[in-house]
Amino acid sequence: MAKKPRRKCVNQSCREWFHPARDGQVVCCYECATAVAKAQTAKNRAEALRAEKKRQREEEKEQRAQQAERRQAVKPLSYFIKQAQHAFNEFIRYRDRHLPCVSCDRHHEGQYHAGHFRTTGANPELRFDEDNCHKQCSACNNHLSGNLTAYRPALIAKIGQARFDALMGPHELPKWKRDDYIRIRDEYRAKLKKLKQQVAA
């Protein structure tokens, strides 16, 4: 019977050439077989440990998500309104970042707000209308009650008479619920991110 072709022992600490005595033989001797078996066992244990750690991480992540969802579920509606308004205001201020105050037409180092022309108290349906909200300095917004006398002509010049007339017309009051405010919040966070990416490109 002809000898089988030589091959190298798979034991990394040996790697000697040998003639296999049978099909499928990959080690040259019993000692190498034992060493390879131990190495494979250690490898299997390490893989099993990695798999278990991954499973634990995924389980912990799912538990954290469930806890966050439970915490969100008990939040009052006002919490989500505030989040949506904050995201909207951030977008407005960034959109108008290079413009002066819409009312006094000044650039200064003070604080800027997202000032509504038609107030959210009297016109809640226009709370998230982009034509109704523009960058405004805190002096005009807080101390001059929006400085609407100067705001009006500047707003018409900015958005045009047709859009201004549409803004001043009747509007249906949406029956916003918790999920609507979450959607609006996420929408304006995404719009702000996209706008910043466009600026950076």
N, C-alpha and C. Protein backbone atom coordinates (compact mmCIF):
# COMPACT_ATOMS: atom_id res chain seq x y z
N MET A 1 0.85 -1.20 0.00
CA MET A 1 0.00 0.00 0.00
C MET A 1 0.89 1.26 0.00
N ALA A 2 0.64 2.14 -0.89
CA ALA A 2 1.47 3.34 -1.05
C ALA A 2 1.30 4.26 0.15
N LYS A 3 2.41 4.93 0.47
CA LYS A 3 2.35 5.90 1.57
C LYS A 3 1.49 7.09 1.16
N LYS A 4 0.80 7.62 2.15
CA LYS A 4 0.01 8.83 1.89
C LYS A 4 0.95 10.02 1.79
N PRO A 5 0.57 11.00 1.02
CA PRO A 5 1.43 12.18 0.85
C PRO A 5 1.79 12.83 2.19
N ARG A 6 2.99 13.35 2.26
CA ARG A 6 3.40 14.04 3.49
C ARG A 6 2.54 15.28 3.72
N ARG A 7 2.42 15.63 4.99
CA ARG A 7 1.74 16.88 5.34
C ARG A 7 2.34 17.41 6.65
N LYS A 8 2.08 18.66 6.92
CA LYS A 8 2.61 19.26 8.14
C LYS A 8 1.65 19.02 9.30
N CYS A 9 2.19 18.74 10.44
CA CYS A 9 1.38 18.59 11.66
C CYS A 9 0.70 19.93 11.96
N VAL A 10 -0.59 19.88 12.29
CA VAL A 10 -1.34 21.12 12.54
C VAL A 10 -1.05 21.71 13.92
N ASN A 11 -0.37 20.97 14.77
CA ASN A 11 0.01 21.51 16.08
C ASN A 11 1.00 22.66 15.86
N GLN A 12 0.61 23.86 16.25
CA GLN A 12 1.42 25.04 15.96
C GLN A 12 2.80 25.00 16.61
N SER A 13 2.92 24.28 17.69
CA SER A 13 4.23 24.19 18.35
C SER A 13 5.10 23.07 17.77
N CYS A 14 4.56 22.33 16.80
CA CYS A 14 5.31 21.23 16.16
C CYS A 14 5.60 21.55 14.70
N ARG A 15 4.57 21.46 13.88
CA ARG A 15 4.65 21.77 12.45
C ARG A 15 5.66 20.89 11.71
N GLU A 16 5.91 19.67 12.22
CA GLU A 16 6.82 18.74 11.54
C GLU A 16 6.09 18.05 10.38
N TRP A 17 6.88 17.67 9.38
CA TRP A 17 6.33 16.90 8.27
C TRP A 17 6.18 15.43 8.71
N PHE A 18 5.09 14.79 8.26
CA PHE A 18 4.91 13.37 8.58
C PHE A 18 4.05 12.71 7.49
N HIS A 19 4.09 11.38 7.45
CA HIS A 19 3.24 10.62 6.54
C HIS A 19 2.02 10.11 7.33
N PRO A 20 0.82 10.59 7.03
CA PRO A 20 -0.37 10.13 7.76
C PRO A 20 -0.55 8.62 7.62
N ALA A 21 -0.96 7.99 8.70
CA ALA A 21 -1.23 6.54 8.69
C ALA A 21 -2.65 6.25 8.26
N ARG A 22 -3.52 7.27 8.32
CA ARG A 22 -4.92 7.07 7.96
C ARG A 22 -5.49 8.36 7.38
N ASP A 23 -6.61 8.23 6.69
CA ASP A 23 -7.28 9.41 6.14
C ASP A 23 -7.73 10.35 7.27
N GLY A 24 -7.56 11.61 7.03
CA GLY A 24 -8.02 12.59 8.00
C GLY A 24 -7.06 12.85 9.13
N GLN A 25 -5.93 12.18 9.15
CA GLN A 25 -4.95 12.40 10.22
C GLN A 25 -4.25 13.73 9.99
N VAL A 26 -4.27 14.60 11.00
CA VAL A 26 -3.70 15.94 10.83
C VAL A 26 -2.56 16.22 11.80
N VAL A 27 -2.31 15.26 12.72
CA VAL A 27 -1.21 15.44 13.67
C VAL A 27 -0.26 14.26 13.54
N CYS A 28 0.97 14.50 13.97
CA CYS A 28 1.99 13.47 13.75
C CYS A 28 2.06 12.44 14.87
N CYS A 29 1.55 12.77 16.07
CA CYS A 29 1.66 11.85 17.20
C CYS A 29 0.58 12.11 18.23
N TYR A 30 0.53 11.26 19.25
CA TYR A 30 -0.48 11.38 20.29
C TYR A 30 -0.33 12.69 21.06
N GLU A 31 0.91 13.07 21.37
CA GLU A 31 1.14 14.30 22.13
C GLU A 31 0.60 15.52 21.38
N CYS A 32 0.83 15.54 20.06
CA CYS A 32 0.32 16.66 19.26
C CYS A 32 -1.20 16.64 19.19
N ALA A 33 -1.77 15.43 19.11
CA ALA A 33 -3.23 15.31 19.09
C ALA A 33 -3.83 15.87 20.38
N THR A 34 -3.18 15.56 21.51
CA THR A 34 -3.64 16.07 22.80
C THR A 34 -3.53 17.60 22.85
N ALA A 35 -2.42 18.12 22.36
CA ALA A 35 -2.21 19.57 22.37
C ALA A 35 -3.24 20.28 21.50
N VAL A 36 -3.51 19.71 20.30
CA VAL A 36 -4.49 20.32 19.39
C VAL A 36 -5.89 20.26 20.01
N ALA A 37 -6.21 19.14 20.66
CA ALA A 37 -7.53 19.00 21.29
C ALA A 37 -7.71 20.02 22.40
N LYS A 38 -6.66 20.23 23.21
CA LYS A 38 -6.73 21.22 24.28
C LYS A 38 -6.90 22.63 23.72
N ALA A 39 -6.16 22.91 22.65
CA ALA A 39 -6.25 24.23 22.02
C ALA A 39 -7.65 24.47 21.46
N GLN A 40 -8.23 23.43 20.85
CA GLN A 40 -9.58 23.55 20.30
C GLN A 40 -10.61 23.74 21.41
N THR A 41 -10.42 23.01 22.51
CA THR A 41 -11.32 23.16 23.65
C THR A 41 -11.26 24.59 24.21
N ALA A 42 -10.04 25.11 24.33
CA ALA A 42 -9.87 26.48 24.83
C ALA A 42 -10.51 27.49 23.87
N LYS A 43 -10.36 27.25 22.56
CA LYS A 43 -10.96 28.13 21.56
C LYS A 43 -12.47 28.09 21.66
N ASN A 44 -13.02 26.88 21.81
CA ASN A 44 -14.48 26.73 21.92
C ASN A 44 -15.01 27.45 23.16
N ARG A 45 -14.26 27.31 24.26
CA ARG A 45 -14.67 27.99 25.49
C ARG A 45 -14.66 29.50 25.33
N ALA A 46 -13.61 30.01 24.67
CA ALA A 46 -13.50 31.45 24.45
C ALA A 46 -14.64 31.95 23.57
N GLU A 47 -14.97 31.19 22.52
CA GLU A 47 -16.07 31.58 21.64
C GLU A 47 -17.40 31.54 22.39
N ALA A 48 -17.57 30.51 23.24
CA ALA A 48 -18.80 30.41 24.03
C ALA A 48 -18.91 31.57 25.01
N LEU A 49 -17.77 31.96 25.60
CA LEU A 49 -17.75 33.09 26.53
C LEU A 49 -18.10 34.38 25.83
N ARG A 50 -17.52 34.58 24.62
CA ARG A 50 -17.84 35.79 23.84
C ARG A 50 -19.32 35.82 23.48
N ALA A 51 -19.86 34.67 23.09
CA ALA A 51 -21.28 34.60 22.72
C ALA A 51 -22.16 34.91 23.93
N GLU A 52 -21.77 34.40 25.10
CA GLU A 52 -22.54 34.65 26.31
C GLU A 52 -22.49 36.12 26.71
N LYS A 53 -21.30 36.72 26.59
CA LYS A 53 -21.17 38.15 26.91
C LYS A 53 -22.00 39.00 25.95
N LYS A 54 -22.00 38.62 24.67
CA LYS A 54 -22.79 39.34 23.68
C LYS A 54 -24.27 39.22 24.01
N ARG A 55 -24.71 38.00 24.39
CA ARG A 55 -26.11 37.79 24.75
C ARG A 55 -26.49 38.64 25.96
N GLN A 56 -25.59 38.71 26.94
CA GLN A 56 -25.85 39.51 28.14
C GLN A 56 -25.95 41.00 27.80
N ARG A 57 -25.04 41.47 26.91
CA ARG A 57 -25.08 42.88 26.51
C ARG A 57 -26.39 43.21 25.81
N GLU A 58 -26.82 42.32 24.91
CA GLU A 58 -28.07 42.55 24.19
C GLU A 58 -29.26 42.51 25.14
N GLU A 59 -29.20 41.61 26.11
CA GLU A 59 -30.28 41.51 27.09
C GLU A 59 -30.34 42.77 27.96
N GLU A 60 -29.17 43.26 28.38
CA GLU A 60 -29.10 44.48 29.18
C GLU A 60 -29.58 45.69 28.37
N LYS A 61 -29.21 45.72 27.09
CA LYS A 61 -29.64 46.81 26.22
C LYS A 61 -31.16 46.81 26.08
N GLU A 62 -31.74 45.63 25.92
CA GLU A 62 -33.19 45.51 25.80
C GLU A 62 -33.87 45.93 27.10
N GLN A 63 -33.28 45.55 28.23
CA GLN A 63 -33.84 45.94 29.53
C GLN A 63 -33.80 47.45 29.72
N ARG A 64 -32.67 48.07 29.31
CA ARG A 64 -32.57 49.53 29.41
C ARG A 64 -33.60 50.22 28.53
N ALA A 65 -33.80 49.67 27.33
CA ALA A 65 -34.79 50.25 26.41
C ALA A 65 -36.19 50.13 27.01
N GLN A 66 -36.49 48.99 27.63
CA GLN A 66 -37.80 48.81 28.26
C GLN A 66 -37.98 49.75 29.44
N GLN A 67 -36.92 49.94 30.22
CA GLN A 67 -36.99 50.87 31.35
C GLN A 67 -37.20 52.30 30.87
N ALA A 68 -36.49 52.67 29.80
CA ALA A 68 -36.65 54.01 29.23
C ALA A 68 -38.06 54.21 28.71
N GLU A 69 -38.61 53.16 28.09
CA GLU A 69 -39.97 53.24 27.56
C GLU A 69 -40.98 53.39 28.70
N ARG A 70 -40.74 52.67 29.80
CA ARG A 70 -41.64 52.80 30.96
C ARG A 70 -41.55 54.19 31.57
N ARG A 71 -40.33 54.74 31.62
CA ARG A 71 -40.17 56.10 32.16
C ARG A 71 -40.87 57.12 31.27
N GLN A 72 -40.76 56.92 29.95
CA GLN A 72 -41.41 57.82 29.01
C GLN A 72 -42.93 57.76 29.15
N ALA A 73 -43.43 56.55 29.43
CA ALA A 73 -44.88 56.34 29.49
C ALA A 73 -45.53 57.14 30.61
N VAL A 74 -44.79 57.41 31.68
CA VAL A 74 -45.38 58.13 32.81
C VAL A 74 -45.10 59.64 32.75
N LYS A 75 -44.38 60.08 31.73
CA LYS A 75 -44.13 61.52 31.59
C LYS A 75 -45.43 62.24 31.23
N PRO A 76 -45.64 63.45 31.76
CA PRO A 76 -46.83 64.22 31.39
C PRO A 76 -46.74 64.74 29.96
N LEU A 77 -47.87 65.11 29.39
CA LEU A 77 -47.90 65.63 28.02
C LEU A 77 -47.02 66.87 27.89
N SER A 78 -46.98 67.68 28.94
CA SER A 78 -46.18 68.92 28.91
C SER A 78 -44.70 68.64 28.64
N TYR A 79 -44.23 67.49 29.07
CA TYR A 79 -42.83 67.11 28.85
C TYR A 79 -42.55 66.97 27.36
N PHE A 80 -43.46 66.35 26.64
CA PHE A 80 -43.28 66.12 25.20
C PHE A 80 -43.51 67.41 24.40
N ILE A 81 -44.42 68.26 24.89
CA ILE A 81 -44.61 69.57 24.24
C ILE A 81 -43.31 70.37 24.35
N LYS A 82 -42.72 70.36 25.53
CA LYS A 82 -41.48 71.10 25.76
C LYS A 82 -40.35 70.56 24.87
N GLN A 83 -40.25 69.25 24.76
CA GLN A 83 -39.22 68.65 23.91
C GLN A 83 -39.40 69.04 22.44
N ALA A 84 -40.65 68.96 21.97
CA ALA A 84 -40.94 69.31 20.58
C ALA A 84 -40.63 70.79 20.33
N GLN A 85 -41.03 71.66 21.28
CA GLN A 85 -40.79 73.09 21.12
C GLN A 85 -39.30 73.40 21.12
N HIS A 86 -38.56 72.73 21.97
CA HIS A 86 -37.10 72.94 22.04
C HIS A 86 -36.44 72.55 20.71
N ALA A 87 -36.83 71.41 20.16
CA ALA A 87 -36.25 70.95 18.88
C ALA A 87 -36.61 71.92 17.76
N PHE A 88 -37.86 72.40 17.75
CA PHE A 88 -38.31 73.36 16.73
C PHE A 88 -37.52 74.66 16.86
N ASN A 89 -37.41 75.18 18.09
CA ASN A 89 -36.71 76.44 18.31
C ASN A 89 -35.23 76.36 17.91
N GLU A 90 -34.61 75.21 18.22
CA GLU A 90 -33.20 75.01 17.84
C GLU A 90 -33.04 75.10 16.32
N PHE A 91 -33.98 74.48 15.61
CA PHE A 91 -33.93 74.51 14.15
C PHE A 91 -34.09 75.94 13.63
N ILE A 92 -35.06 76.67 14.18
CA ILE A 92 -35.31 78.04 13.73
C ILE A 92 -34.08 78.91 13.95
N ARG A 93 -33.48 78.82 15.13
CA ARG A 93 -32.30 79.66 15.42
C ARG A 93 -31.14 79.32 14.49
N TYR A 94 -30.97 78.04 14.19
CA TYR A 94 -29.87 77.66 13.29
C TYR A 94 -30.19 78.06 11.86
N ARG A 95 -31.44 77.91 11.46
CA ARG A 95 -31.85 78.31 10.11
C ARG A 95 -31.55 79.78 9.87
N ASP A 96 -31.80 80.61 10.89
CA ASP A 96 -31.65 82.06 10.76
C ASP A 96 -30.33 82.56 11.37
N ARG A 97 -29.36 81.67 11.55
CA ARG A 97 -28.16 82.00 12.31
C ARG A 97 -27.39 83.20 11.76
N HIS A 98 -27.45 83.43 10.45
CA HIS A 98 -26.69 84.54 9.86
C HIS A 98 -27.53 85.82 9.76
N LEU A 99 -28.80 85.74 10.11
CA LEU A 99 -29.69 86.88 9.97
C LEU A 99 -29.72 87.71 11.25
N PRO A 100 -30.04 88.99 11.14
CA PRO A 100 -30.20 89.80 12.35
C PRO A 100 -31.54 89.49 13.01
N CYS A 101 -31.80 90.12 14.13
CA CYS A 101 -33.10 89.99 14.79
C CYS A 101 -34.19 90.40 13.81
N VAL A 102 -35.24 89.61 13.70
CA VAL A 102 -36.30 89.88 12.73
C VAL A 102 -37.04 91.17 13.04
N SER A 103 -37.00 91.62 14.29
CA SER A 103 -37.73 92.84 14.66
C SER A 103 -36.87 94.09 14.58
N CYS A 104 -35.73 94.10 15.29
CA CYS A 104 -34.92 95.32 15.34
C CYS A 104 -33.82 95.36 14.29
N ASP A 105 -33.63 94.27 13.57
CA ASP A 105 -32.66 94.19 12.47
C ASP A 105 -31.23 94.44 12.94
N ARG A 106 -30.94 94.01 14.19
CA ARG A 106 -29.59 94.22 14.73
C ARG A 106 -28.89 92.88 14.94
N HIS A 107 -27.57 92.91 14.75
CA HIS A 107 -26.70 91.81 15.16
C HIS A 107 -26.05 92.22 16.47
N HIS A 108 -26.07 91.38 17.46
CA HIS A 108 -25.37 91.69 18.71
C HIS A 108 -24.98 90.40 19.41
N GLU A 109 -24.26 90.52 20.49
CA GLU A 109 -23.72 89.35 21.19
C GLU A 109 -24.67 88.79 22.23
N GLY A 110 -25.85 89.36 22.36
CA GLY A 110 -26.81 88.90 23.36
C GLY A 110 -27.47 87.59 22.97
N GLN A 111 -28.45 87.23 23.77
CA GLN A 111 -29.15 85.96 23.55
C GLN A 111 -30.21 86.12 22.47
N TYR A 112 -30.37 85.07 21.68
CA TYR A 112 -31.40 85.06 20.65
C TYR A 112 -32.42 83.96 20.94
N HIS A 113 -33.66 84.26 20.63
CA HIS A 113 -34.76 83.31 20.81
C HIS A 113 -35.32 82.93 19.45
N ALA A 114 -36.26 82.00 19.48
CA ALA A 114 -37.09 81.72 18.31
C ALA A 114 -38.42 82.40 18.61
N GLY A 115 -38.61 83.58 18.04
CA GLY A 115 -39.78 84.39 18.39
C GLY A 115 -40.95 84.18 17.45
N HIS A 116 -42.11 83.90 18.02
CA HIS A 116 -43.33 83.71 17.23
C HIS A 116 -44.01 85.05 16.96
N PHE A 117 -44.44 85.26 15.72
CA PHE A 117 -45.19 86.47 15.39
C PHE A 117 -46.59 86.39 15.99
N ARG A 118 -47.29 85.32 15.69
CA ARG A 118 -48.57 85.05 16.33
C ARG A 118 -48.29 84.13 17.51
N THR A 119 -48.63 84.58 18.70
CA THR A 119 -48.20 83.90 19.92
C THR A 119 -48.78 82.49 20.03
N THR A 120 -48.02 81.64 20.70
CA THR A 120 -48.48 80.26 20.89
C THR A 120 -49.65 80.18 21.86
N GLY A 121 -49.76 81.17 22.74
CA GLY A 121 -50.89 81.18 23.66
C GLY A 121 -52.20 81.45 22.95
N ALA A 122 -52.21 82.45 22.08
CA ALA A 122 -53.43 82.81 21.35
C ALA A 122 -53.63 81.96 20.11
N ASN A 123 -52.53 81.45 19.55
CA ASN A 123 -52.60 80.68 18.31
C ASN A 123 -51.78 79.39 18.43
N PRO A 124 -52.21 78.47 19.27
CA PRO A 124 -51.42 77.24 19.47
C PRO A 124 -51.26 76.41 18.21
N GLU A 125 -52.18 76.59 17.26
CA GLU A 125 -52.08 75.83 16.02
C GLU A 125 -50.88 76.25 15.17
N LEU A 126 -50.30 77.43 15.48
CA LEU A 126 -49.15 77.94 14.72
C LEU A 126 -47.84 77.78 15.49
N ARG A 127 -47.89 76.99 16.54
CA ARG A 127 -46.71 76.77 17.38
C ARG A 127 -45.51 76.25 16.57
N PHE A 128 -45.79 75.37 15.61
CA PHE A 128 -44.71 74.75 14.83
C PHE A 128 -44.76 75.16 13.36
N ASP A 129 -45.28 76.36 13.09
CA ASP A 129 -45.32 76.90 11.73
C ASP A 129 -44.03 77.69 11.49
N GLU A 130 -43.24 77.27 10.52
CA GLU A 130 -41.94 77.90 10.30
C GLU A 130 -42.06 79.34 9.80
N ASP A 131 -43.16 79.68 9.14
CA ASP A 131 -43.36 81.06 8.70
C ASP A 131 -43.70 81.97 9.88
N ASN A 132 -44.14 81.39 10.98
CA ASN A 132 -44.57 82.16 12.14
C ASN A 132 -43.46 82.35 13.17
N CYS A 133 -42.30 81.79 12.93
CA CYS A 133 -41.25 81.82 13.95
C CYS A 133 -39.90 82.15 13.31
N HIS A 134 -39.20 83.10 13.92
CA HIS A 134 -37.94 83.57 13.35
C HIS A 134 -36.99 83.98 14.47
N LYS A 135 -35.72 84.07 14.11
CA LYS A 135 -34.70 84.47 15.08
C LYS A 135 -34.99 85.88 15.58
N GLN A 136 -35.02 86.01 16.90
CA GLN A 136 -35.37 87.30 17.51
C GLN A 136 -34.53 87.49 18.77
N CYS A 137 -34.04 88.70 18.97
CA CYS A 137 -33.23 88.94 20.16
C CYS A 137 -34.10 88.92 21.40
N SER A 138 -33.47 88.63 22.53
CA SER A 138 -34.23 88.51 23.78
C SER A 138 -34.85 89.85 24.18
N ALA A 139 -34.19 90.96 23.82
CA ALA A 139 -34.73 92.27 24.17
C ALA A 139 -36.08 92.49 23.50
N CYS A 140 -36.16 92.18 22.20
CA CYS A 140 -37.42 92.35 21.48
C CYS A 140 -38.46 91.33 21.94
N ASN A 141 -38.03 90.11 22.13
CA ASN A 141 -38.97 89.03 22.46
C ASN A 141 -39.50 89.17 23.88
N ASN A 142 -38.61 89.43 24.83
CA ASN A 142 -39.02 89.47 26.24
C ASN A 142 -39.48 90.85 26.70
N HIS A 143 -38.67 91.86 26.42
CA HIS A 143 -38.93 93.18 26.99
C HIS A 143 -39.87 94.04 26.15
N LEU A 144 -39.99 93.71 24.86
CA LEU A 144 -40.89 94.49 23.99
C LEU A 144 -42.07 93.64 23.52
N SER A 145 -42.32 92.54 24.23
CA SER A 145 -43.46 91.65 23.91
C SER A 145 -43.47 91.22 22.45
N GLY A 146 -42.29 90.95 21.92
CA GLY A 146 -42.19 90.50 20.54
C GLY A 146 -41.94 91.61 19.54
N ASN A 147 -42.05 92.88 20.00
CA ASN A 147 -41.81 94.04 19.12
C ASN A 147 -42.54 93.85 17.79
N LEU A 148 -43.85 93.58 17.88
CA LEU A 148 -44.65 93.20 16.70
C LEU A 148 -44.77 94.31 15.67
N THR A 149 -44.69 95.56 16.12
CA THR A 149 -44.79 96.68 15.18
C THR A 149 -43.66 96.63 14.15
N ALA A 150 -42.47 96.29 14.60
CA ALA A 150 -41.33 96.16 13.68
C ALA A 150 -41.29 94.77 13.05
N TYR A 151 -41.80 93.77 13.77
CA TYR A 151 -41.78 92.38 13.29
C TYR A 151 -42.61 92.25 12.01
N ARG A 152 -43.78 92.89 11.98
CA ARG A 152 -44.72 92.71 10.86
C ARG A 152 -44.11 93.06 9.51
N PRO A 153 -43.60 94.30 9.30
CA PRO A 153 -43.05 94.62 7.97
C PRO A 153 -41.83 93.77 7.61
N ALA A 154 -41.02 93.44 8.62
CA ALA A 154 -39.84 92.61 8.35
C ALA A 154 -40.26 91.20 7.94
N LEU A 155 -41.33 90.70 8.55
CA LEU A 155 -41.81 89.36 8.22
C LEU A 155 -42.38 89.33 6.80
N ILE A 156 -43.13 90.36 6.44
CA ILE A 156 -43.68 90.44 5.08
C ILE A 156 -42.55 90.48 4.05
N ALA A 157 -41.51 91.27 4.36
CA ALA A 157 -40.37 91.37 3.45
C ALA A 157 -39.65 90.02 3.33
N LYS A 158 -39.65 89.25 4.38
CA LYS A 158 -38.92 87.99 4.39
C LYS A 158 -39.68 86.87 3.69
N ILE A 159 -40.98 86.72 3.98
CA ILE A 159 -41.72 85.56 3.46
C ILE A 159 -42.67 85.93 2.32
N GLY A 160 -42.88 87.22 2.09
CA GLY A 160 -43.78 87.63 1.02
C GLY A 160 -45.21 87.83 1.51
N GLN A 161 -45.95 88.68 0.79
CA GLN A 161 -47.30 89.04 1.22
C GLN A 161 -48.25 87.83 1.20
N ALA A 162 -48.11 86.97 0.19
CA ALA A 162 -49.04 85.84 0.08
C ALA A 162 -48.91 84.89 1.26
N ARG A 163 -47.68 84.57 1.64
CA ARG A 163 -47.47 83.67 2.78
C ARG A 163 -47.85 84.35 4.09
N PHE A 164 -47.65 85.66 4.16
CA PHE A 164 -48.06 86.39 5.36
C PHE A 164 -49.58 86.37 5.50
N ASP A 165 -50.27 86.58 4.38
CA ASP A 165 -51.74 86.55 4.42
C ASP A 165 -52.24 85.17 4.82
N ALA A 166 -51.57 84.14 4.32
CA ALA A 166 -51.95 82.77 4.69
C ALA A 166 -51.72 82.54 6.18
N LEU A 167 -50.63 83.10 6.69
CA LEU A 167 -50.32 82.97 8.11
C LEU A 167 -51.38 83.67 8.97
N MET A 168 -51.87 84.80 8.50
CA MET A 168 -52.85 85.57 9.26
C MET A 168 -54.27 85.04 9.11
N GLY A 169 -54.48 84.13 8.18
CA GLY A 169 -55.81 83.58 7.96
C GLY A 169 -56.19 82.56 9.02
N PRO A 170 -57.38 82.00 8.88
CA PRO A 170 -57.83 80.99 9.86
C PRO A 170 -57.05 79.68 9.71
N HIS A 171 -56.85 79.02 10.82
CA HIS A 171 -56.13 77.74 10.83
C HIS A 171 -56.85 76.77 11.76
N GLU A 172 -56.92 75.54 11.32
CA GLU A 172 -57.54 74.51 12.15
C GLU A 172 -56.59 74.13 13.28
N LEU A 173 -57.15 73.96 14.47
CA LEU A 173 -56.34 73.59 15.62
C LEU A 173 -56.13 72.08 15.64
N PRO A 174 -54.91 71.61 15.41
CA PRO A 174 -54.67 70.15 15.43
C PRO A 174 -54.88 69.59 16.84
N LYS A 175 -55.36 68.38 16.90
CA LYS A 175 -55.52 67.71 18.20
C LYS A 175 -54.27 66.86 18.45
N TRP A 176 -53.19 67.59 18.74
CA TRP A 176 -51.92 66.91 18.94
C TRP A 176 -51.94 66.04 20.19
N LYS A 177 -51.42 64.84 20.05
CA LYS A 177 -51.29 63.92 21.18
C LYS A 177 -49.81 63.65 21.44
N ARG A 178 -49.55 62.82 22.42
CA ARG A 178 -48.18 62.50 22.83
C ARG A 178 -47.33 62.07 21.64
N ASP A 179 -47.85 61.14 20.84
CA ASP A 179 -47.08 60.62 19.70
C ASP A 179 -46.82 61.70 18.66
N ASP A 180 -47.74 62.68 18.54
CA ASP A 180 -47.55 63.77 17.58
C ASP A 180 -46.37 64.65 18.01
N TYR A 181 -46.30 64.94 19.30
CA TYR A 181 -45.19 65.77 19.79
C TYR A 181 -43.85 65.03 19.67
N ILE A 182 -43.87 63.73 19.87
CA ILE A 182 -42.64 62.94 19.69
C ILE A 182 -42.22 62.98 18.22
N ARG A 183 -43.21 62.85 17.32
CA ARG A 183 -42.92 62.89 15.88
C ARG A 183 -42.35 64.26 15.49
N ILE A 184 -42.96 65.34 15.99
CA ILE A 184 -42.49 66.69 15.68
C ILE A 184 -41.08 66.90 16.22
N ARG A 185 -40.85 66.44 17.45
CA ARG A 185 -39.50 66.54 18.04
C ARG A 185 -38.47 65.84 17.17
N ASP A 186 -38.76 64.61 16.79
CA ASP A 186 -37.81 63.83 15.99
C ASP A 186 -37.63 64.43 14.60
N GLU A 187 -38.72 64.96 14.05
CA GLU A 187 -38.65 65.57 12.71
C GLU A 187 -37.71 66.78 12.72
N TYR A 188 -37.82 67.64 13.75
CA TYR A 188 -36.99 68.85 13.77
C TYR A 188 -35.56 68.56 14.21
N ARG A 189 -35.36 67.53 14.98
CA ARG A 189 -33.99 67.11 15.27
C ARG A 189 -33.31 66.63 13.99
N ALA A 190 -34.06 65.89 13.18
CA ALA A 190 -33.52 65.38 11.91
C ALA A 190 -33.27 66.53 10.93
N LYS A 191 -34.18 67.51 10.88
CA LYS A 191 -34.02 68.65 9.98
C LYS A 191 -32.80 69.48 10.37
N LEU A 192 -32.60 69.66 11.67
CA LEU A 192 -31.44 70.41 12.14
C LEU A 192 -30.15 69.68 11.79
N LYS A 193 -30.13 68.39 12.00
CA LYS A 193 -28.95 67.58 11.68
C LYS A 193 -28.63 67.66 10.20
N LYS A 194 -29.66 67.55 9.36
CA LYS A 194 -29.46 67.60 7.92
C LYS A 194 -28.93 68.97 7.49
N LEU A 195 -29.48 70.03 8.09
CA LEU A 195 -29.05 71.38 7.75
C LEU A 195 -27.59 71.58 8.13
N LYS A 196 -27.19 71.09 9.29
CA LYS A 196 -25.80 71.21 9.72
C LYS A 196 -24.86 70.42 8.82
N GLN A 197 -25.32 69.26 8.37
CA GLN A 197 -24.51 68.45 7.45
C GLN A 197 -24.34 69.16 6.11
N GLN A 198 -25.39 69.83 5.64
CA GLN A 198 -25.31 70.57 4.38
C GLN A 198 -24.33 71.73 4.51
N VAL A 199 -24.34 72.38 5.66
CA VAL A 199 -23.43 73.51 5.89
C VAL A 199 -21.98 73.03 5.95
N ALA A 200 -21.78 71.86 6.56
CA ALA A 200 -20.42 71.32 6.72
C ALA A 200 -19.86 70.74 5.43
N ALA A 201 -20.74 70.36 4.50
CA ALA A 201 -20.29 69.70 3.26
C ALA A 201 -19.51 70.66 2.37
